[in-house]
Amino acid sequence: MTKANFPLVALALSLFLMGILVKTGATDPNTTNMLPLLTVLIISEFGFIVCVVAVYLGGQTIIQNGFEIVLAVVTLVCAMLAVEFMLIGIQHWPGG
């Protein structure tokens, strides 16, 4: 796997993790979670870190190799998922 391929792998992994959070009700504050709190926090933190690294590497690749629409869209979606993972983590943090 090269640095240029990492955003694609990160997008697939992040969509899987977000699917887990959506399916278990962690994204809706009005429902009860089917996952323990620590599990939700670990998933959201790991998803955030993976997405931030993907945005960084995707941005570097776009700057070095020129603009490619597929890589730009993947990088943008990873950025949006990173924000969502961060908001889910903050929402579930005790006292937050």
PDB file of N, CA and C in Angstrom:
ATOM      1  N   MET A   1       0.850  -1.176   0.000  1.00  0.00           N
ATOM      2  CA  MET A   1       0.000   0.000   0.000  1.00  0.00           C
ATOM      3  C   MET A   1       0.895   1.238   0.000  1.00  0.00           C
ATOM      4  N   THR A   2       0.594   2.143  -0.899  1.00  0.00           N
ATOM      5  CA  THR A   2       1.360   3.377  -0.974  1.00  0.00           C
ATOM      6  C   THR A   2       0.609   4.485  -0.249  1.00  0.00           C
ATOM      7  N   LYS A   3       1.293   5.594  -0.078  1.00  0.00           N
ATOM      8  CA  LYS A   3       0.653   6.739   0.572  1.00  0.00           C
ATOM      9  C   LYS A   3      -0.525   7.255  -0.241  1.00  0.00           C
ATOM     10  N   ALA A   4      -0.447   7.114  -1.559  1.00  0.00           N
ATOM     11  CA  ALA A   4      -1.531   7.589  -2.421  1.00  0.00           C
ATOM     12  C   ALA A   4      -2.788   6.738  -2.265  1.00  0.00           C
ATOM     13  N   ASN A   5      -2.654   5.472  -1.891  1.00  0.00           N
ATOM     14  CA  ASN A   5      -3.805   4.583  -1.728  1.00  0.00           C
ATOM     15  C   ASN A   5      -4.427   4.659  -0.342  1.00  0.00           C
ATOM     16  N   PHE A   6      -3.731   5.229   0.619  1.00  0.00           N
ATOM     17  CA  PHE A   6      -4.235   5.235   1.993  1.00  0.00           C
ATOM     18  C   PHE A   6      -5.595   5.920   2.136  1.00  0.00           C
ATOM     19  N   PRO A   7      -5.851   7.068   1.483  1.00  0.00           N
ATOM     20  CA  PRO A   7      -7.179   7.671   1.640  1.00  0.00           C
ATOM     21  C   PRO A   7      -8.322   6.754   1.208  1.00  0.00           C
ATOM     22  N   LEU A   8      -8.124   5.949   0.187  1.00  0.00           N
ATOM     23  CA  LEU A   8      -9.174   5.018  -0.238  1.00  0.00           C
ATOM     24  C   LEU A   8      -9.419   3.940   0.815  1.00  0.00           C
ATOM     25  N   VAL A   9      -8.355   3.405   1.367  1.00  0.00           N
ATOM     26  CA  VAL A   9      -8.480   2.393   2.420  1.00  0.00           C
ATOM     27  C   VAL A   9      -9.111   3.016   3.669  1.00  0.00           C
ATOM     28  N   ALA A  10      -8.689   4.229   3.997  1.00  0.00           N
ATOM     29  CA  ALA A  10      -9.236   4.918   5.165  1.00  0.00           C
ATOM     30  C   ALA A  10     -10.716   5.220   4.984  1.00  0.00           C
ATOM     31  N   LEU A  11     -11.118   5.579   3.770  1.00  0.00           N
ATOM     32  CA  LEU A  11     -12.531   5.847   3.514  1.00  0.00           C
ATOM     33  C   LEU A  11     -13.362   4.590   3.718  1.00  0.00           C
ATOM     34  N   ALA A  12     -12.897   3.472   3.202  1.00  0.00           N
ATOM     35  CA  ALA A  12     -13.632   2.218   3.378  1.00  0.00           C
ATOM     36  C   ALA A  12     -13.737   1.843   4.857  1.00  0.00           C
ATOM     37  N   LEU A  13     -12.638   1.954   5.585  1.00  0.00           N
ATOM     38  CA  LEU A  13     -12.642   1.632   7.012  1.00  0.00           C
ATOM     39  C   LEU A  13     -13.533   2.597   7.790  1.00  0.00           C
ATOM     40  N   SER A  14     -13.468   3.868   7.459  1.00  0.00           N
ATOM     41  CA  SER A  14     -14.261   4.872   8.168  1.00  0.00           C
ATOM     42  C   SER A  14     -15.751   4.700   7.907  1.00  0.00           C
ATOM     43  N   LEU A  15     -16.112   4.372   6.680  1.00  0.00           N
ATOM     44  CA  LEU A  15     -17.524   4.121   6.394  1.00  0.00           C
ATOM     45  C   LEU A  15     -18.026   2.898   7.154  1.00  0.00           C
ATOM     46  N   PHE A  16     -17.185   1.882   7.290  1.00  0.00           N
ATOM     47  CA  PHE A  16     -17.551   0.705   8.076  1.00  0.00           C
ATOM     48  C   PHE A  16     -17.752   1.078   9.546  1.00  0.00           C
ATOM     49  N   LEU A  17     -16.817   1.847  10.100  1.00  0.00           N
ATOM     50  CA  LEU A  17     -16.931   2.250  11.508  1.00  0.00           C
ATOM     51  C   LEU A  17     -18.139   3.151  11.734  1.00  0.00           C
ATOM     52  N   MET A  18     -18.397   4.069  10.798  1.00  0.00           N
ATOM     53  CA  MET A  18     -19.559   4.942  10.937  1.00  0.00           C
ATOM     54  C   MET A  18     -20.843   4.124  10.823  1.00  0.00           C
ATOM     55  N   GLY A  19     -20.835   3.109   9.975  1.00  0.00           N
ATOM     56  CA  GLY A  19     -21.995   2.227   9.878  1.00  0.00           C
ATOM     57  C   GLY A  19     -22.275   1.513  11.187  1.00  0.00           C
ATOM     58  N   ILE A  20     -21.226   1.092  11.868  1.00  0.00           N
ATOM     59  CA  ILE A  20     -21.398   0.464  13.180  1.00  0.00           C
ATOM     60  C   ILE A  20     -22.025   1.454  14.159  1.00  0.00           C
ATOM     61  N   LEU A  21     -21.523   2.686  14.168  1.00  0.00           N
ATOM     62  CA  LEU A  21     -22.055   3.679  15.097  1.00  0.00           C
ATOM     63  C   LEU A  21     -23.503   4.034  14.772  1.00  0.00           C
ATOM     64  N   VAL A  22     -23.833   4.136  13.492  1.00  0.00           N
ATOM     65  CA  VAL A  22     -25.207   4.454  13.099  1.00  0.00           C
ATOM     66  C   VAL A  22     -26.134   3.293  13.441  1.00  0.00           C
ATOM     67  N   LYS A  23     -25.705   2.082  13.142  1.00  0.00           N
ATOM     68  CA  LYS A  23     -26.543   0.902  13.377  1.00  0.00           C
ATOM     69  C   LYS A  23     -26.832   0.687  14.864  1.00  0.00           C
ATOM     70  N   THR A  24     -25.887   1.035  15.719  1.00  0.00           N
ATOM     71  CA  THR A  24     -26.078   0.824  17.157  1.00  0.00           C
ATOM     72  C   THR A  24     -26.712   2.024  17.849  1.00  0.00           C
ATOM     73  N   GLY A  25     -27.001   3.075  17.112  1.00  0.00           N
ATOM     74  CA  GLY A  25     -27.679   4.229  17.688  1.00  0.00           C
ATOM     75  C   GLY A  25     -26.772   5.222  18.373  1.00  0.00           C
ATOM     76  N   ALA A  26     -25.480   5.174  18.140  1.00  0.00           N
ATOM     77  CA  ALA A  26     -24.550   6.085  18.817  1.00  0.00           C
ATOM     78  C   ALA A  26     -24.599   7.490  18.236  1.00  0.00           C
ATOM     79  N   THR A  27     -25.138   7.652  17.026  1.00  0.00           N
ATOM     80  CA  THR A  27     -25.167   8.983  16.415  1.00  0.00           C
ATOM     81  C   THR A  27     -26.375   9.795  16.844  1.00  0.00           C
ATOM     82  N   ASP A  28     -27.380   9.155  17.420  1.00  0.00           N
ATOM     83  CA  ASP A  28     -28.590   9.858  17.849  1.00  0.00           C
ATOM     84  C   ASP A  28     -28.582   9.999  19.366  1.00  0.00           C
ATOM     85  N   PRO A  29     -28.551  11.239  19.871  1.00  0.00           N
ATOM     86  CA  PRO A  29     -28.467  11.418  21.328  1.00  0.00           C
ATOM     87  C   PRO A  29     -29.734  11.021  22.073  1.00  0.00           C
ATOM     88  N   ASN A  30     -30.856  10.861  21.371  1.00  0.00           N
ATOM     89  CA  ASN A  30     -32.118  10.559  22.042  1.00  0.00           C
ATOM     90  C   ASN A  30     -32.374   9.064  22.207  1.00  0.00           C
ATOM     91  N   THR A  31     -31.503   8.228  21.662  1.00  0.00           N
ATOM     92  CA  THR A  31     -31.695   6.784  21.786  1.00  0.00           C
ATOM     93  C   THR A  31     -30.684   6.204  22.767  1.00  0.00           C
ATOM     94  N   THR A  32     -30.991   5.013  23.229  1.00  0.00           N
ATOM     95  CA  THR A  32     -30.033   4.331  24.096  1.00  0.00           C
ATOM     96  C   THR A  32     -29.037   3.578  23.222  1.00  0.00           C
ATOM     97  N   ASN A  33     -27.793   3.588  23.636  1.00  0.00           N
ATOM     98  CA  ASN A  33     -26.736   2.930  22.872  1.00  0.00           C
ATOM     99  C   ASN A  33     -26.760   1.433  23.110  1.00  0.00           C
ATOM    100  N   MET A  34     -26.500   0.697  22.041  1.00  0.00           N
ATOM    101  CA  MET A  34     -26.359  -0.751  22.165  1.00  0.00           C
ATOM    102  C   MET A  34     -24.908  -1.118  22.447  1.00  0.00           C
ATOM    103  N   LEU A  35     -23.998  -0.153  22.307  1.00  0.00           N
ATOM    104  CA  LEU A  35     -22.581  -0.367  22.598  1.00  0.00           C
ATOM    105  C   LEU A  35     -22.220   0.306  23.916  1.00  0.00           C
ATOM    106  N   PRO A  36     -21.271  -0.239  24.650  1.00  0.00           N
ATOM    107  CA  PRO A  36     -20.792   0.441  25.855  1.00  0.00           C
ATOM    108  C   PRO A  36     -20.140   1.781  25.500  1.00  0.00           C
ATOM    109  N   LEU A  37     -20.125   2.682  26.454  1.00  0.00           N
ATOM    110  CA  LEU A  37     -19.600   4.027  26.232  1.00  0.00           C
ATOM    111  C   LEU A  37     -18.148   3.998  25.772  1.00  0.00           C
ATOM    112  N   LEU A  38     -17.324   3.189  26.412  1.00  0.00           N
ATOM    113  CA  LEU A  38     -15.907   3.138  26.045  1.00  0.00           C
ATOM    114  C   LEU A  38     -15.715   2.647  24.610  1.00  0.00           C
ATOM    115  N   THR A  39     -16.545   1.724  24.182  1.00  0.00           N
ATOM    116  CA  THR A  39     -16.456   1.232  22.806  1.00  0.00           C
ATOM    117  C   THR A  39     -16.803   2.325  21.812  1.00  0.00           C
ATOM    118  N   VAL A  40     -17.836   3.094  22.094  1.00  0.00           N
ATOM    119  CA  VAL A  40     -18.216   4.211  21.220  1.00  0.00           C
ATOM    120  C   VAL A  40     -17.090   5.232  21.156  1.00  0.00           C
ATOM    121  N   LEU A  41     -16.486   5.535  22.298  1.00  0.00           N
ATOM    122  CA  LEU A  41     -15.393   6.512  22.314  1.00  0.00           C
ATOM    123  C   LEU A  41     -14.168   6.002  21.551  1.00  0.00           C
ATOM    124  N   ILE A  42     -13.846   4.728  21.689  1.00  0.00           N
ATOM    125  CA  ILE A  42     -12.686   4.167  20.979  1.00  0.00           C
ATOM    126  C   ILE A  42     -12.933   4.156  19.473  1.00  0.00           C
ATOM    127  N   ILE A  43     -14.125   3.753  19.055  1.00  0.00           N
ATOM    128  CA  ILE A  43     -14.439   3.732  17.623  1.00  0.00           C
ATOM    129  C   ILE A  43     -14.388   5.135  17.045  1.00  0.00           C
ATOM    130  N   SER A  44     -14.963   6.102  17.750  1.00  0.00           N
ATOM    131  CA  SER A  44     -14.968   7.468  17.218  1.00  0.00           C
ATOM    132  C   SER A  44     -13.564   8.065  17.198  1.00  0.00           C
ATOM    133  N   GLU A  45     -12.751   7.773  18.196  1.00  0.00           N
ATOM    134  CA  GLU A  45     -11.384   8.296  18.204  1.00  0.00           C
ATOM    135  C   GLU A  45     -10.537   7.652  17.104  1.00  0.00           C
ATOM    136  N   PHE A  46     -10.646   6.349  16.951  1.00  0.00           N
ATOM    137  CA  PHE A  46      -9.882   5.665  15.904  1.00  0.00           C
ATOM    138  C   PHE A  46     -10.313   6.143  14.516  1.00  0.00           C
ATOM    139  N   GLY A  47     -11.616   6.278  14.316  1.00  0.00           N
ATOM    140  CA  GLY A  47     -12.108   6.780  13.034  1.00  0.00           C
ATOM    141  C   GLY A  47     -11.632   8.187  12.754  1.00  0.00           C
ATOM    142  N   PHE A  48     -11.613   9.034  13.779  1.00  0.00           N
ATOM    143  CA  PHE A  48     -11.124  10.403  13.618  1.00  0.00           C
ATOM    144  C   PHE A  48      -9.653  10.419  13.213  1.00  0.00           C
ATOM    145  N   ILE A  49      -8.832   9.637  13.897  1.00  0.00           N
ATOM    146  CA  ILE A  49      -7.390   9.622  13.602  1.00  0.00           C
ATOM    147  C   ILE A  49      -7.134   9.103  12.190  1.00  0.00           C
ATOM    148  N   VAL A  50      -7.808   8.032  11.803  1.00  0.00           N
ATOM    149  CA  VAL A  50      -7.627   7.477  10.460  1.00  0.00           C
ATOM    150  C   VAL A  50      -8.032   8.498   9.401  1.00  0.00           C
ATOM    151  N   CYS A  51      -9.138   9.189   9.625  1.00  0.00           N
ATOM    152  CA  CYS A  51      -9.609  10.176   8.645  1.00  0.00           C
ATOM    153  C   CYS A  51      -8.675  11.378   8.563  1.00  0.00           C
ATOM    154  N   VAL A  52      -8.161  11.834   9.682  1.00  0.00           N
ATOM    155  CA  VAL A  52      -7.246  12.982   9.658  1.00  0.00           C
ATOM    156  C   VAL A  52      -5.960  12.625   8.910  1.00  0.00           C
ATOM    157  N   VAL A  53      -5.438  11.434   9.144  1.00  0.00           N
ATOM    158  CA  VAL A  53      -4.241  11.000   8.413  1.00  0.00           C
ATOM    159  C   VAL A  53      -4.551  10.895   6.918  1.00  0.00           C
ATOM    160  N   ALA A  54      -5.731  10.398   6.574  1.00  0.00           N
ATOM    161  CA  ALA A  54      -6.118  10.288   5.162  1.00  0.00           C
ATOM    162  C   ALA A  54      -6.235  11.658   4.510  1.00  0.00           C
ATOM    163  N   VAL A  55      -6.780  12.629   5.232  1.00  0.00           N
ATOM    164  CA  VAL A  55      -6.887  13.986   4.687  1.00  0.00           C
ATOM    165  C   VAL A  55      -5.500  14.577   4.473  1.00  0.00           C
ATOM    166  N   TYR A  56      -4.608  14.369   5.414  1.00  0.00           N
ATOM    167  CA  TYR A  56      -3.243  14.886   5.281  1.00  0.00           C
ATOM    168  C   TYR A  56      -2.530  14.259   4.084  1.00  0.00           C
ATOM    169  N   LEU A  57      -2.569  12.929   4.004  1.00  0.00           N
ATOM    170  CA  LEU A  57      -1.884  12.248   2.902  1.00  0.00           C
ATOM    171  C   LEU A  57      -2.555  12.528   1.560  1.00  0.00           C
ATOM    172  N   GLY A  58      -3.874  12.624   1.555  1.00  0.00           N
ATOM    173  CA  GLY A  58      -4.572  12.965   0.318  1.00  0.00           C
ATOM    174  C   GLY A  58      -4.232  14.365  -0.151  1.00  0.00           C
ATOM    175  N   GLY A  59      -4.148  15.306   0.785  1.00  0.00           N
ATOM    176  CA  GLY A  59      -3.750  16.665   0.426  1.00  0.00           C
ATOM    177  C   GLY A  59      -2.336  16.723  -0.111  1.00  0.00           C
ATOM    178  N   GLN A  60      -1.444  15.990   0.527  1.00  0.00           N
ATOM    179  CA  GLN A  60      -0.060  15.937   0.037  1.00  0.00           C
ATOM    180  C   GLN A  60       0.014  15.360  -1.371  1.00  0.00           C
ATOM    181  N   THR A  61      -0.733  14.312  -1.615  1.00  0.00           N
ATOM    182  CA  THR A  61      -0.720  13.681  -2.936  1.00  0.00           C
ATOM    183  C   THR A  61      -1.298  14.610  -3.997  1.00  0.00           C
ATOM    184  N   ILE A  62      -2.351  15.339  -3.653  1.00  0.00           N
ATOM    185  CA  ILE A  62      -2.937  16.293  -4.599  1.00  0.00           C
ATOM    186  C   ILE A  62      -1.942  17.399  -4.920  1.00  0.00           C
ATOM    187  N   ILE A  63      -1.232  17.878  -3.924  1.00  0.00           N
ATOM    188  CA  ILE A  63      -0.248  18.942  -4.155  1.00  0.00           C
ATOM    189  C   ILE A  63       0.907  18.433  -5.010  1.00  0.00           C
ATOM    190  N   GLN A  64       1.387  17.230  -4.742  1.00  0.00           N
ATOM    191  CA  GLN A  64       2.549  16.699  -5.464  1.00  0.00           C
ATOM    192  C   GLN A  64       2.213  16.229  -6.877  1.00  0.00           C
ATOM    193  N   ASN A  65       1.090  15.537  -7.044  1.00  0.00           N
ATOM    194  CA  ASN A  65       0.780  14.916  -8.331  1.00  0.00           C
ATOM    195  C   ASN A  65      -0.227  15.695  -9.163  1.00  0.00           C
ATOM    196  N   GLY A  66      -0.756  16.754  -8.633  1.00  0.00           N
ATOM    197  CA  GLY A  66      -1.784  17.494  -9.353  1.00  0.00           C
ATOM    198  C   GLY A  66      -3.181  17.040  -8.938  1.00  0.00           C
ATOM    199  N   PHE A  67      -4.168  17.824  -9.355  1.00  0.00           N
ATOM    200  CA  PHE A  67      -5.554  17.597  -8.951  1.00  0.00           C
ATOM    201  C   PHE A  67      -6.141  16.394  -9.683  1.00  0.00           C
ATOM    202  N   GLU A  68      -6.673  15.472  -8.912  1.00  0.00           N
ATOM    203  CA  GLU A  68      -7.422  14.334  -9.444  1.00  0.00           C
ATOM    204  C   GLU A  68      -8.766  14.322  -8.735  1.00  0.00           C
ATOM    205  N   ILE A  69      -9.844  14.285  -9.498  1.00  0.00           N
ATOM    206  CA  ILE A  69     -11.176  14.432  -8.927  1.00  0.00           C
ATOM    207  C   ILE A  69     -11.510  13.306  -7.940  1.00  0.00           C
ATOM    208  N   VAL A  70     -11.120  12.081  -8.241  1.00  0.00           N
ATOM    209  CA  VAL A  70     -11.444  10.958  -7.349  1.00  0.00           C
ATOM    210  C   VAL A  70     -10.744  11.128  -6.007  1.00  0.00           C
ATOM    211  N   LEU A  71      -9.475  11.453  -6.038  1.00  0.00           N
ATOM    212  CA  LEU A  71      -8.729  11.637  -4.796  1.00  0.00           C
ATOM    213  C   LEU A  71      -9.249  12.843  -4.016  1.00  0.00           C
ATOM    214  N   ALA A  72      -9.637  13.895  -4.723  1.00  0.00           N
ATOM    215  CA  ALA A  72     -10.173  15.079  -4.051  1.00  0.00           C
ATOM    216  C   ALA A  72     -11.494  14.763  -3.358  1.00  0.00           C
ATOM    217  N   VAL A  73     -12.363  14.004  -4.012  1.00  0.00           N
ATOM    218  CA  VAL A  73     -13.646  13.639  -3.406  1.00  0.00           C
ATOM    219  C   VAL A  73     -13.430  12.718  -2.206  1.00  0.00           C
ATOM    220  N   VAL A  74     -12.534  11.753  -2.337  1.00  0.00           N
ATOM    221  CA  VAL A  74     -12.232  10.843  -1.222  1.00  0.00           C
ATOM    222  C   VAL A  74     -11.675  11.626  -0.040  1.00  0.00           C
ATOM    223  N   THR A  75     -10.786  12.568  -0.318  1.00  0.00           N
ATOM    224  CA  THR A  75     -10.200  13.388   0.749  1.00  0.00           C
ATOM    225  C   THR A  75     -11.264  14.247   1.417  1.00  0.00           C
ATOM    226  N   LEU A  76     -12.172  14.812   0.626  1.00  0.00           N
ATOM    227  CA  LEU A  76     -13.247  15.639   1.181  1.00  0.00           C
ATOM    228  C   LEU A  76     -14.196  14.812   2.046  1.00  0.00           C
ATOM    229  N   VAL A  77     -14.548  13.628   1.589  1.00  0.00           N
ATOM    230  CA  VAL A  77     -15.433  12.765   2.381  1.00  0.00           C
ATOM    231  C   VAL A  77     -14.748  12.338   3.675  1.00  0.00           C
ATOM    232  N   CYS A  78     -13.456  12.052   3.615  1.00  0.00           N
ATOM    233  CA  CYS A  78     -12.714  11.715   4.838  1.00  0.00           C
ATOM    234  C   CYS A  78     -12.705  12.892   5.811  1.00  0.00           C
ATOM    235  N   ALA A  79     -12.589  14.109   5.288  1.00  0.00           N
ATOM    236  CA  ALA A  79     -12.621  15.290   6.155  1.00  0.00           C
ATOM    237  C   ALA A  79     -13.982  15.422   6.836  1.00  0.00           C
ATOM    238  N   MET A  80     -15.048  15.191   6.087  1.00  0.00           N
ATOM    239  CA  MET A  80     -16.386  15.281   6.679  1.00  0.00           C
ATOM    240  C   MET A  80     -16.612  14.180   7.713  1.00  0.00           C
ATOM    241  N   LEU A  81     -16.122  12.982   7.424  1.00  0.00           N
ATOM    242  CA  LEU A  81     -16.241  11.895   8.399  1.00  0.00           C
ATOM    243  C   LEU A  81     -15.418  12.178   9.653  1.00  0.00           C
ATOM    244  N   ALA A  82     -14.263  12.814   9.492  1.00  0.00           N
ATOM    245  CA  ALA A  82     -13.442  13.160  10.658  1.00  0.00           C
ATOM    246  C   ALA A  82     -14.196  14.112  11.575  1.00  0.00           C
ATOM    247  N   VAL A  83     -14.873  15.087  10.981  1.00  0.00           N
ATOM    248  CA  VAL A  83     -15.663  16.023  11.789  1.00  0.00           C
ATOM    249  C   VAL A  83     -16.786  15.279  12.506  1.00  0.00           C
ATOM    250  N   GLU A  84     -17.451  14.370  11.808  1.00  0.00           N
ATOM    251  CA  GLU A  84     -18.543  13.624  12.426  1.00  0.00           C
ATOM    252  C   GLU A  84     -18.045  12.711  13.546  1.00  0.00           C
ATOM    253  N   PHE A  85     -16.928  12.032  13.336  1.00  0.00           N
ATOM    254  CA  PHE A  85     -16.357  11.203  14.408  1.00  0.00           C
ATOM    255  C   PHE A  85     -16.000  12.060  15.622  1.00  0.00           C
ATOM    256  N   MET A  86     -15.450  13.249  15.376  1.00  0.00           N
ATOM    257  CA  MET A  86     -15.094  14.140  16.477  1.00  0.00           C
ATOM    258  C   MET A  86     -16.348  14.567  17.247  1.00  0.00           C
ATOM    259  N   LEU A  87     -17.409  14.919  16.525  1.00  0.00           N
ATOM    260  CA  LEU A  87     -18.639  15.348  17.187  1.00  0.00           C
ATOM    261  C   LEU A  87     -19.282  14.213  17.978  1.00  0.00           C
ATOM    262  N   ILE A  88     -19.240  13.012  17.460  1.00  0.00           N
ATOM    263  CA  ILE A  88     -19.783  11.864  18.198  1.00  0.00           C
ATOM    264  C   ILE A  88     -18.973  11.622  19.467  1.00  0.00           C
ATOM    265  N   GLY A  89     -17.657  11.713  19.363  1.00  0.00           N
ATOM    266  CA  GLY A  89     -16.812  11.535  20.544  1.00  0.00           C
ATOM    267  C   GLY A  89     -17.065  12.593  21.603  1.00  0.00           C
ATOM    268  N   ILE A  90     -17.197  13.844  21.179  1.00  0.00           N
ATOM    269  CA  ILE A  90     -17.467  14.931  22.129  1.00  0.00           C
ATOM    270  C   ILE A  90     -18.848  14.767  22.748  1.00  0.00           C
ATOM    271  N   GLN A  91     -19.815  14.360  21.941  1.00  0.00           N
ATOM    272  CA  GLN A  91     -21.186  14.184  22.420  1.00  0.00           C
ATOM    273  C   GLN A  91     -21.270  13.098  23.493  1.00  0.00           C
ATOM    274  N   HIS A  92     -20.485  12.051  23.354  1.00  0.00           N
ATOM    275  CA  HIS A  92     -20.549  10.942  24.306  1.00  0.00           C
ATOM    276  C   HIS A  92     -19.556  11.067  25.462  1.00  0.00           C
ATOM    277  N   TRP A  93     -18.665  12.016  25.395  1.00  0.00           N
ATOM    278  CA  TRP A  93     -17.691  12.179  26.470  1.00  0.00           C
ATOM    279  C   TRP A  93     -18.425  12.575  27.748  1.00  0.00           C
ATOM    280  N   PRO A  94     -18.125  11.915  28.865  1.00  0.00           N
ATOM    281  CA  PRO A  94     -18.811  12.255  30.114  1.00  0.00           C
ATOM    282  C   PRO A  94     -18.582  13.720  30.489  1.00  0.00           C
ATOM    283  N   GLY A  95     -19.673  14.418  30.721  1.00  0.00           N
ATOM    284  CA  GLY A  95     -19.605  15.833  31.072  1.00  0.00           C
ATOM    285  C   GLY A  95     -19.502  16.739  29.862  1.00  0.00           C
ATOM    286  N   GLY A  96     -19.592  16.199  28.659  1.00  0.00           N
ATOM    287  CA  GLY A  96     -19.415  16.979  27.441  1.00  0.00           C
ATOM    288  C   GLY A  96     -20.636  17.241  26.720  1.00  0.00           C
TER     289      GLY A  96
END
